[in-house]
Amino acid sequence: MIDYNNRRFRVMSNSENGETDGNTIFIYQQKGDILSCNYKGEQILEGHLLAKVKPDGSLEVAYHQINVKGELLTGNCHSIPEILSDGRIRLHEKWQWTSGDFSKGESTLEEIKE
């Protein structure tokens, strides 16, 4: 199982219907196979996610956020990790809103190293 604890991620790409962008930073906290995260970005005032870490390192995620329009949006996501040559993690995500227009999208996140 991958240890995501205290790792920070930045959005590298996202579908047009997504609200996260390169200014959105995710800081993961993990205890056992439970991952949680707070995030903010240019379009997001406050966001939270809760995930189950699978034995292969993939993530089953539920999230909710309030955007700059004051809308509360919810969704779910499946993230597949890729270990880069420098040891950082890249996450390939397929997500869907469970509120609003219920549309689907894809995004890529990469670990930020200090």
N, C-alpha and C. Protein backbone atom coordinates (compact mmCIF):
# COMPACT_ATOMS: atom_id res chain seq x y z
N MET A 1 0.85 -1.19 0.00
CA MET A 1 0.00 0.00 0.00
C MET A 1 0.89 1.25 0.00
N ILE A 2 0.52 2.23 -0.76
CA ILE A 2 1.25 3.49 -0.81
C ILE A 2 0.93 4.30 0.44
N ASP A 3 1.93 4.96 1.00
CA ASP A 3 1.72 5.85 2.14
C ASP A 3 1.59 7.28 1.61
N TYR A 4 0.40 7.83 1.68
CA TYR A 4 0.12 9.18 1.20
C TYR A 4 0.26 10.23 2.31
N ASN A 5 0.52 9.81 3.53
CA ASN A 5 0.49 10.74 4.67
C ASN A 5 1.44 11.92 4.48
N ASN A 6 0.93 13.12 4.69
CA ASN A 6 1.66 14.39 4.59
C ASN A 6 2.20 14.70 3.20
N ARG A 7 1.69 14.05 2.18
CA ARG A 7 2.10 14.37 0.80
C ARG A 7 1.18 15.46 0.27
N ARG A 8 1.78 16.36 -0.51
CA ARG A 8 1.03 17.48 -1.11
C ARG A 8 0.96 17.27 -2.61
N PHE A 9 -0.20 17.58 -3.19
CA PHE A 9 -0.43 17.40 -4.61
C PHE A 9 -0.98 18.69 -5.23
N ARG A 10 -0.63 18.88 -6.51
CA ARG A 10 -1.12 20.03 -7.29
C ARG A 10 -1.79 19.47 -8.55
N VAL A 11 -2.84 20.13 -8.98
CA VAL A 11 -3.55 19.74 -10.20
C VAL A 11 -2.71 20.12 -11.41
N MET A 12 -2.46 19.16 -12.28
CA MET A 12 -1.71 19.41 -13.51
C MET A 12 -2.64 19.57 -14.71
N SER A 13 -3.78 18.87 -14.68
CA SER A 13 -4.77 19.02 -15.75
C SER A 13 -6.13 18.63 -15.19
N ASN A 14 -7.17 19.18 -15.83
CA ASN A 14 -8.53 18.87 -15.40
C ASN A 14 -9.48 19.10 -16.56
N SER A 15 -10.58 18.38 -16.56
CA SER A 15 -11.62 18.59 -17.56
C SER A 15 -12.23 19.98 -17.38
N GLU A 16 -12.83 20.50 -18.45
CA GLU A 16 -13.40 21.84 -18.42
C GLU A 16 -14.48 22.01 -17.36
N ASN A 17 -15.22 20.95 -17.07
CA ASN A 17 -16.31 21.03 -16.10
C ASN A 17 -15.85 20.86 -14.65
N GLY A 18 -14.54 20.75 -14.43
CA GLY A 18 -13.99 20.66 -13.08
C GLY A 18 -13.72 22.03 -12.50
N GLU A 19 -13.55 22.10 -11.21
CA GLU A 19 -13.29 23.39 -10.54
C GLU A 19 -11.88 23.50 -9.97
N THR A 20 -11.14 22.40 -9.95
CA THR A 20 -9.76 22.48 -9.47
C THR A 20 -8.85 22.89 -10.61
N ASP A 21 -7.74 23.55 -10.26
CA ASP A 21 -6.76 23.98 -11.26
C ASP A 21 -5.37 23.97 -10.62
N GLY A 22 -4.38 24.49 -11.33
CA GLY A 22 -3.00 24.48 -10.86
C GLY A 22 -2.77 25.22 -9.56
N ASN A 23 -3.74 26.02 -9.13
CA ASN A 23 -3.63 26.73 -7.85
C ASN A 23 -4.25 25.95 -6.70
N THR A 24 -4.83 24.80 -7.00
CA THR A 24 -5.46 23.98 -5.97
C THR A 24 -4.43 23.02 -5.39
N ILE A 25 -4.24 23.10 -4.08
CA ILE A 25 -3.27 22.25 -3.38
C ILE A 25 -4.03 21.30 -2.45
N PHE A 26 -3.69 20.02 -2.56
CA PHE A 26 -4.27 18.97 -1.72
C PHE A 26 -3.20 18.50 -0.75
N ILE A 27 -3.51 18.46 0.53
CA ILE A 27 -2.58 17.96 1.54
C ILE A 27 -3.23 16.73 2.16
N TYR A 28 -2.64 15.56 1.88
CA TYR A 28 -3.22 14.29 2.31
C TYR A 28 -2.74 13.89 3.70
N GLN A 29 -3.67 13.36 4.47
CA GLN A 29 -3.39 12.76 5.78
C GLN A 29 -3.92 11.33 5.72
N GLN A 30 -3.12 10.38 6.19
CA GLN A 30 -3.54 8.98 6.11
C GLN A 30 -3.30 8.29 7.44
N LYS A 31 -4.30 7.50 7.85
CA LYS A 31 -4.20 6.61 9.01
C LYS A 31 -4.68 5.25 8.55
N GLY A 32 -3.77 4.29 8.47
CA GLY A 32 -4.14 2.98 7.95
C GLY A 32 -4.54 3.10 6.50
N ASP A 33 -5.75 2.63 6.19
CA ASP A 33 -6.21 2.72 4.81
C ASP A 33 -7.26 3.82 4.61
N ILE A 34 -7.30 4.77 5.56
CA ILE A 34 -8.22 5.91 5.46
C ILE A 34 -7.42 7.18 5.20
N LEU A 35 -7.81 7.88 4.14
CA LEU A 35 -7.13 9.11 3.74
C LEU A 35 -8.13 10.26 3.84
N SER A 36 -7.66 11.40 4.32
CA SER A 36 -8.50 12.60 4.35
C SER A 36 -7.68 13.77 3.83
N CYS A 37 -8.37 14.83 3.46
CA CYS A 37 -7.67 15.96 2.86
C CYS A 37 -8.54 17.21 2.94
N ASN A 38 -7.90 18.34 3.16
CA ASN A 38 -8.51 19.66 3.00
C ASN A 38 -7.86 20.28 1.77
N TYR A 39 -8.64 21.01 0.99
CA TYR A 39 -8.06 21.67 -0.17
C TYR A 39 -8.77 22.99 -0.44
N LYS A 40 -8.05 23.89 -1.13
CA LYS A 40 -8.56 25.20 -1.53
C LYS A 40 -7.94 25.52 -2.87
N GLY A 41 -8.55 26.45 -3.57
CA GLY A 41 -8.00 26.85 -4.85
C GLY A 41 -8.64 28.14 -5.31
N GLU A 42 -8.32 28.52 -6.53
CA GLU A 42 -8.82 29.77 -7.10
C GLU A 42 -10.35 29.80 -7.15
N GLN A 43 -10.97 28.66 -7.48
CA GLN A 43 -12.43 28.59 -7.58
C GLN A 43 -13.09 27.93 -6.37
N ILE A 44 -12.28 27.44 -5.44
CA ILE A 44 -12.81 26.68 -4.30
C ILE A 44 -12.43 27.37 -2.99
N LEU A 45 -13.44 27.77 -2.23
CA LEU A 45 -13.20 28.40 -0.93
C LEU A 45 -12.75 27.38 0.10
N GLU A 46 -13.41 26.22 0.08
CA GLU A 46 -13.09 25.15 1.04
C GLU A 46 -13.54 23.83 0.46
N GLY A 47 -12.67 22.83 0.56
CA GLY A 47 -13.02 21.50 0.09
C GLY A 47 -12.46 20.45 1.02
N HIS A 48 -13.14 19.31 1.08
CA HIS A 48 -12.70 18.18 1.90
C HIS A 48 -12.91 16.90 1.10
N LEU A 49 -12.03 15.95 1.32
CA LEU A 49 -12.26 14.63 0.73
C LEU A 49 -11.93 13.56 1.73
N LEU A 50 -12.56 12.42 1.54
CA LEU A 50 -12.34 11.23 2.35
C LEU A 50 -12.19 10.08 1.38
N ALA A 51 -11.17 9.26 1.61
CA ALA A 51 -10.89 8.18 0.66
C ALA A 51 -10.51 6.91 1.38
N LYS A 52 -10.73 5.82 0.69
CA LYS A 52 -10.27 4.50 1.11
C LYS A 52 -9.08 4.17 0.22
N VAL A 53 -7.93 3.85 0.85
CA VAL A 53 -6.73 3.47 0.11
C VAL A 53 -6.78 1.96 -0.11
N LYS A 54 -6.80 1.55 -1.36
CA LYS A 54 -6.85 0.14 -1.71
C LYS A 54 -5.44 -0.47 -1.63
N PRO A 55 -5.32 -1.78 -1.53
CA PRO A 55 -4.00 -2.42 -1.43
C PRO A 55 -3.05 -2.07 -2.58
N ASP A 56 -3.61 -1.80 -3.78
CA ASP A 56 -2.77 -1.43 -4.92
C ASP A 56 -2.42 0.06 -4.95
N GLY A 57 -2.85 0.81 -3.93
CA GLY A 57 -2.54 2.24 -3.84
C GLY A 57 -3.58 3.13 -4.48
N SER A 58 -4.55 2.55 -5.18
CA SER A 58 -5.60 3.37 -5.78
C SER A 58 -6.50 3.92 -4.67
N LEU A 59 -7.22 4.97 -5.01
CA LEU A 59 -8.06 5.66 -4.03
C LEU A 59 -9.52 5.68 -4.50
N GLU A 60 -10.43 5.36 -3.59
CA GLU A 60 -11.86 5.54 -3.82
C GLU A 60 -12.27 6.74 -2.97
N VAL A 61 -12.67 7.82 -3.63
CA VAL A 61 -12.80 9.13 -3.00
C VAL A 61 -14.24 9.64 -3.04
N ALA A 62 -14.66 10.27 -1.95
CA ALA A 62 -15.87 11.09 -1.91
C ALA A 62 -15.42 12.49 -1.49
N TYR A 63 -15.97 13.52 -2.14
CA TYR A 63 -15.55 14.88 -1.81
C TYR A 63 -16.73 15.84 -1.81
N HIS A 64 -16.54 16.95 -1.12
CA HIS A 64 -17.49 18.05 -1.14
C HIS A 64 -16.73 19.35 -1.04
N GLN A 65 -17.30 20.39 -1.63
CA GLN A 65 -16.61 21.68 -1.65
C GLN A 65 -17.61 22.81 -1.81
N ILE A 66 -17.19 24.00 -1.38
CA ILE A 66 -17.96 25.21 -1.61
C ILE A 66 -17.13 26.10 -2.53
N ASN A 67 -17.71 26.48 -3.66
CA ASN A 67 -16.97 27.29 -4.63
C ASN A 67 -17.17 28.78 -4.37
N VAL A 68 -16.52 29.61 -5.17
CA VAL A 68 -16.59 31.06 -4.97
C VAL A 68 -17.98 31.63 -5.25
N LYS A 69 -18.84 30.86 -5.91
CA LYS A 69 -20.23 31.27 -6.13
C LYS A 69 -21.10 30.94 -4.92
N GLY A 70 -20.53 30.28 -3.92
CA GLY A 70 -21.28 29.88 -2.73
C GLY A 70 -22.02 28.57 -2.90
N GLU A 71 -21.75 27.83 -3.98
CA GLU A 71 -22.43 26.57 -4.24
C GLU A 71 -21.74 25.43 -3.50
N LEU A 72 -22.54 24.56 -2.90
CA LEU A 72 -22.04 23.34 -2.28
C LEU A 72 -22.15 22.23 -3.31
N LEU A 73 -21.01 21.64 -3.69
CA LEU A 73 -20.96 20.59 -4.70
C LEU A 73 -20.35 19.33 -4.11
N THR A 74 -20.82 18.18 -4.58
CA THR A 74 -20.31 16.90 -4.10
C THR A 74 -19.93 16.03 -5.30
N GLY A 75 -19.07 15.05 -5.03
CA GLY A 75 -18.68 14.15 -6.11
C GLY A 75 -17.94 12.94 -5.59
N ASN A 76 -17.60 12.05 -6.53
CA ASN A 76 -16.76 10.92 -6.19
C ASN A 76 -15.71 10.74 -7.27
N CYS A 77 -14.67 9.98 -6.94
CA CYS A 77 -13.50 9.90 -7.81
C CYS A 77 -12.79 8.57 -7.59
N HIS A 78 -12.18 8.07 -8.65
CA HIS A 78 -11.29 6.91 -8.56
C HIS A 78 -9.93 7.38 -9.05
N SER A 79 -8.91 7.27 -8.21
CA SER A 79 -7.56 7.73 -8.53
C SER A 79 -6.61 6.54 -8.63
N ILE A 80 -5.85 6.50 -9.71
CA ILE A 80 -4.86 5.44 -9.93
C ILE A 80 -3.48 6.06 -9.86
N PRO A 81 -2.61 5.57 -8.96
CA PRO A 81 -1.28 6.16 -8.81
C PRO A 81 -0.29 5.65 -9.87
N GLU A 82 0.62 6.53 -10.21
CA GLU A 82 1.78 6.19 -11.04
C GLU A 82 3.00 6.71 -10.29
N ILE A 83 3.99 5.86 -10.06
CA ILE A 83 5.21 6.28 -9.38
C ILE A 83 6.18 6.79 -10.45
N LEU A 84 6.56 8.05 -10.32
CA LEU A 84 7.46 8.67 -11.30
C LEU A 84 8.90 8.27 -11.02
N SER A 85 9.78 8.50 -11.99
CA SER A 85 11.18 8.08 -11.87
C SER A 85 11.89 8.74 -10.69
N ASP A 86 11.42 9.92 -10.26
CA ASP A 86 12.05 10.60 -9.12
C ASP A 86 11.38 10.23 -7.79
N GLY A 87 10.44 9.26 -7.82
CA GLY A 87 9.80 8.80 -6.60
C GLY A 87 8.50 9.51 -6.26
N ARG A 88 8.20 10.61 -6.95
CA ARG A 88 6.94 11.30 -6.70
C ARG A 88 5.77 10.49 -7.25
N ILE A 89 4.58 10.84 -6.81
CA ILE A 89 3.37 10.15 -7.25
C ILE A 89 2.58 11.06 -8.18
N ARG A 90 2.12 10.47 -9.27
CA ARG A 90 1.16 11.13 -10.17
C ARG A 90 -0.14 10.35 -10.05
N LEU A 91 -1.25 11.07 -9.86
CA LEU A 91 -2.56 10.44 -9.74
C LEU A 91 -3.39 10.71 -10.99
N HIS A 92 -3.89 9.65 -11.60
CA HIS A 92 -4.77 9.73 -12.76
C HIS A 92 -6.19 9.51 -12.24
N GLU A 93 -7.02 10.53 -12.38
CA GLU A 93 -8.33 10.52 -11.74
C GLU A 93 -9.48 10.54 -12.74
N LYS A 94 -10.50 9.75 -12.43
CA LYS A 94 -11.77 9.81 -13.14
C LYS A 94 -12.81 10.14 -12.09
N TRP A 95 -13.53 11.23 -12.30
CA TRP A 95 -14.46 11.71 -11.29
C TRP A 95 -15.83 12.00 -11.89
N GLN A 96 -16.80 12.16 -10.96
CA GLN A 96 -18.15 12.54 -11.37
C GLN A 96 -18.79 13.37 -10.26
N TRP A 97 -19.46 14.44 -10.69
CA TRP A 97 -20.25 15.22 -9.74
C TRP A 97 -21.44 14.38 -9.31
N THR A 98 -21.78 14.42 -8.02
CA THR A 98 -22.99 13.77 -7.52
C THR A 98 -24.03 14.83 -7.14
N SER A 99 -23.78 16.05 -7.59
CA SER A 99 -24.72 17.17 -7.45
C SER A 99 -24.55 18.03 -8.71
N GLY A 100 -25.32 19.08 -8.79
CA GLY A 100 -25.21 19.94 -9.97
C GLY A 100 -25.62 19.21 -11.23
N ASP A 101 -24.74 19.20 -12.24
CA ASP A 101 -25.09 18.60 -13.53
C ASP A 101 -24.73 17.11 -13.65
N PHE A 102 -24.13 16.54 -12.61
CA PHE A 102 -23.78 15.11 -12.58
C PHE A 102 -22.82 14.70 -13.70
N SER A 103 -22.09 15.66 -14.26
CA SER A 103 -21.18 15.36 -15.35
C SER A 103 -19.93 14.64 -14.85
N LYS A 104 -19.19 14.05 -15.78
CA LYS A 104 -17.97 13.31 -15.48
C LYS A 104 -16.76 14.07 -16.01
N GLY A 105 -15.58 13.72 -15.47
CA GLY A 105 -14.36 14.34 -15.96
C GLY A 105 -13.14 13.53 -15.56
N GLU A 106 -11.99 14.04 -15.99
CA GLU A 106 -10.71 13.42 -15.67
C GLU A 106 -9.73 14.50 -15.27
N SER A 107 -8.85 14.17 -14.34
CA SER A 107 -7.82 15.11 -13.91
C SER A 107 -6.54 14.34 -13.59
N THR A 108 -5.45 15.10 -13.54
CA THR A 108 -4.16 14.55 -13.16
C THR A 108 -3.57 15.42 -12.07
N LEU A 109 -3.11 14.79 -10.99
CA LEU A 109 -2.44 15.49 -9.90
C LEU A 109 -1.02 14.96 -9.80
N GLU A 110 -0.08 15.84 -9.40
CA GLU A 110 1.29 15.40 -9.16
C GLU A 110 1.74 15.87 -7.79
N GLU A 111 2.51 15.00 -7.16
CA GLU A 111 3.05 15.33 -5.85
C GLU A 111 4.02 16.49 -5.97
N ILE A 112 3.95 17.38 -4.97
CA ILE A 112 4.86 18.53 -4.89
C ILE A 112 5.95 18.16 -3.91
N LYS A 113 7.19 18.27 -4.32
CA LYS A 113 8.32 18.05 -3.41
C LYS A 113 8.86 19.41 -3.01
N GLU A 114 9.15 19.57 -1.74
CA GLU A 114 9.70 20.83 -1.22
C GLU A 114 11.13 21.00 -1.64
